Amino acid sequence: MTPFERSVAFWLRAYPLRWRAARSAEAAAVLADLASPAPRRLHARAAIGLVRGGWATRWSEHPPP
């Protein structure tokens, strides 16, 4: 696993397990396609977007009482 793939896997952990099981490979492929040639890690802006999206997904699946 490359450092970029490890970085993507780390940031995708913001998403629920069920979402990651179904869509993480596709999301990682899209991020790899959009990244610069030979990236070492995910760009900060993309990482923040993943965290925000992951939290929003978790919130929509399990809203507070």
C-alpha atoms as a PDB file:
ATOM      1  CA  MET A   1       0.000   0.000   0.000  1.00  0.00           C
ATOM      2  CA  THR A   2       1.426   3.356  -1.030  1.00  0.00           C
ATOM      3  CA  PRO A   3       1.558   6.350   1.325  1.00  0.00           C
ATOM      4  CA  PHE A   4      -1.204   7.976  -0.747  1.00  0.00           C
ATOM      5  CA  GLU A   5      -3.456   4.917  -0.392  1.00  0.00           C
ATOM      6  CA  ARG A   6      -2.811   4.853   3.369  1.00  0.00           C
ATOM      7  CA  SER A   7      -3.683   8.545   3.571  1.00  0.00           C
ATOM      8  CA  VAL A   8      -6.941   8.019   1.676  1.00  0.00           C
ATOM      9  CA  ALA A   9      -7.849   5.006   3.836  1.00  0.00           C
ATOM     10  CA  PHE A  10      -7.194   7.038   6.980  1.00  0.00           C
ATOM     11  CA  TRP A  11      -9.445   9.927   5.936  1.00  0.00           C
ATOM     12  CA  LEU A  12     -12.187   7.610   4.673  1.00  0.00           C
ATOM     13  CA  ARG A  13     -12.510   6.310   8.233  1.00  0.00           C
ATOM     14  CA  ALA A  14     -14.718   9.355   8.878  1.00  0.00           C
ATOM     15  CA  TYR A  15     -17.456   7.489   6.994  1.00  0.00           C
ATOM     16  CA  PRO A  16     -19.539   4.726   8.605  1.00  0.00           C
ATOM     17  CA  LEU A  17     -18.262   1.171   8.197  1.00  0.00           C
ATOM     18  CA  ARG A  18     -21.216   0.141   6.047  1.00  0.00           C
ATOM     19  CA  TRP A  19     -20.574   3.040   3.648  1.00  0.00           C
ATOM     20  CA  ARG A  20     -16.857   2.236   3.467  1.00  0.00           C
ATOM     21  CA  ALA A  21     -17.563  -1.427   2.738  1.00  0.00           C
ATOM     22  CA  ALA A  22     -19.776  -0.471  -0.191  1.00  0.00           C
ATOM     23  CA  ARG A  23     -17.988   2.566  -1.637  1.00  0.00           C
ATOM     24  CA  SER A  24     -14.438   3.035  -0.365  1.00  0.00           C
ATOM     25  CA  ALA A  25     -12.750   1.419  -3.376  1.00  0.00           C
ATOM     26  CA  GLU A  26     -14.647   3.689  -5.758  1.00  0.00           C
ATOM     27  CA  ALA A  27     -13.917   6.792  -3.665  1.00  0.00           C
ATOM     28  CA  ALA A  28     -10.216   5.904  -3.457  1.00  0.00           C
ATOM     29  CA  ALA A  29     -10.053   5.407  -7.227  1.00  0.00           C
ATOM     30  CA  VAL A  30     -11.666   8.799  -7.871  1.00  0.00           C
ATOM     31  CA  LEU A  31      -9.294  10.510  -5.437  1.00  0.00           C
ATOM     32  CA  ALA A  32      -6.312   8.827  -7.109  1.00  0.00           C
ATOM     33  CA  ASP A  33      -7.520   9.981 -10.530  1.00  0.00           C
ATOM     34  CA  LEU A  34      -7.900  13.569  -9.319  1.00  0.00           C
ATOM     35  CA  ALA A  35      -4.548  13.692  -7.502  1.00  0.00           C
ATOM     36  CA  SER A  36      -1.351  15.049  -8.965  1.00  0.00           C
ATOM     37  CA  PRO A  37       1.128  12.554 -10.446  1.00  0.00           C
ATOM     38  CA  ALA A  38       2.839  10.444  -7.749  1.00  0.00           C
ATOM     39  CA  PRO A  39       1.148  12.054  -4.724  1.00  0.00           C
ATOM     40  CA  ARG A  40       2.514  11.225  -1.279  1.00  0.00           C
ATOM     41  CA  ARG A  41      -0.645  12.069   0.637  1.00  0.00           C
ATOM     42  CA  LEU A  42      -4.134  13.407   0.182  1.00  0.00           C
ATOM     43  CA  HIS A  43      -4.383  17.180  -0.234  1.00  0.00           C
ATOM     44  CA  ALA A  44      -5.625  18.954   2.913  1.00  0.00           C
ATOM     45  CA  ARG A  45      -8.678  20.394   1.175  1.00  0.00           C
ATOM     46  CA  ALA A  46      -9.728  16.927  -0.022  1.00  0.00           C
ATOM     47  CA  ALA A  47      -9.133  15.462   3.448  1.00  0.00           C
ATOM     48  CA  ILE A  48     -11.332  18.123   5.047  1.00  0.00           C
ATOM     49  CA  GLY A  49     -14.015  17.400   2.468  1.00  0.00           C
ATOM     50  CA  LEU A  50     -13.892  13.699   3.295  1.00  0.00           C
ATOM     51  CA  VAL A  51     -14.218  14.364   7.014  1.00  0.00           C
ATOM     52  CA  ARG A  52     -17.159  16.728   6.488  1.00  0.00           C
ATOM     53  CA  GLY A  53     -18.861  14.243   4.175  1.00  0.00           C
ATOM     54  CA  GLY A  54     -18.231  11.385   6.578  1.00  0.00           C
ATOM     55  CA  TRP A  55     -19.675  13.268   9.523  1.00  0.00           C
ATOM     56  CA  ALA A  56     -22.702  14.309   7.477  1.00  0.00           C
ATOM     57  CA  THR A  57     -23.275  10.694   6.459  1.00  0.00           C
ATOM     58  CA  ARG A  58     -22.971   9.503  10.050  1.00  0.00           C
ATOM     59  CA  TRP A  59     -25.334  12.266  11.201  1.00  0.00           C
ATOM     60  CA  SER A  60     -27.958  11.362   8.589  1.00  0.00           C
ATOM     61  CA  GLU A  61     -27.792   7.666   9.501  1.00  0.00           C
ATOM     62  CA  HIS A  62     -27.926   8.229  13.272  1.00  0.00           C
ATOM     63  CA  PRO A  63     -29.323  11.662  14.168  1.00  0.00           C
ATOM     64  CA  PRO A  64     -29.220  12.634  17.842  1.00  0.00           C
ATOM     65  CA  PRO A  65     -32.410  12.018  19.842  1.00  0.00           C
END
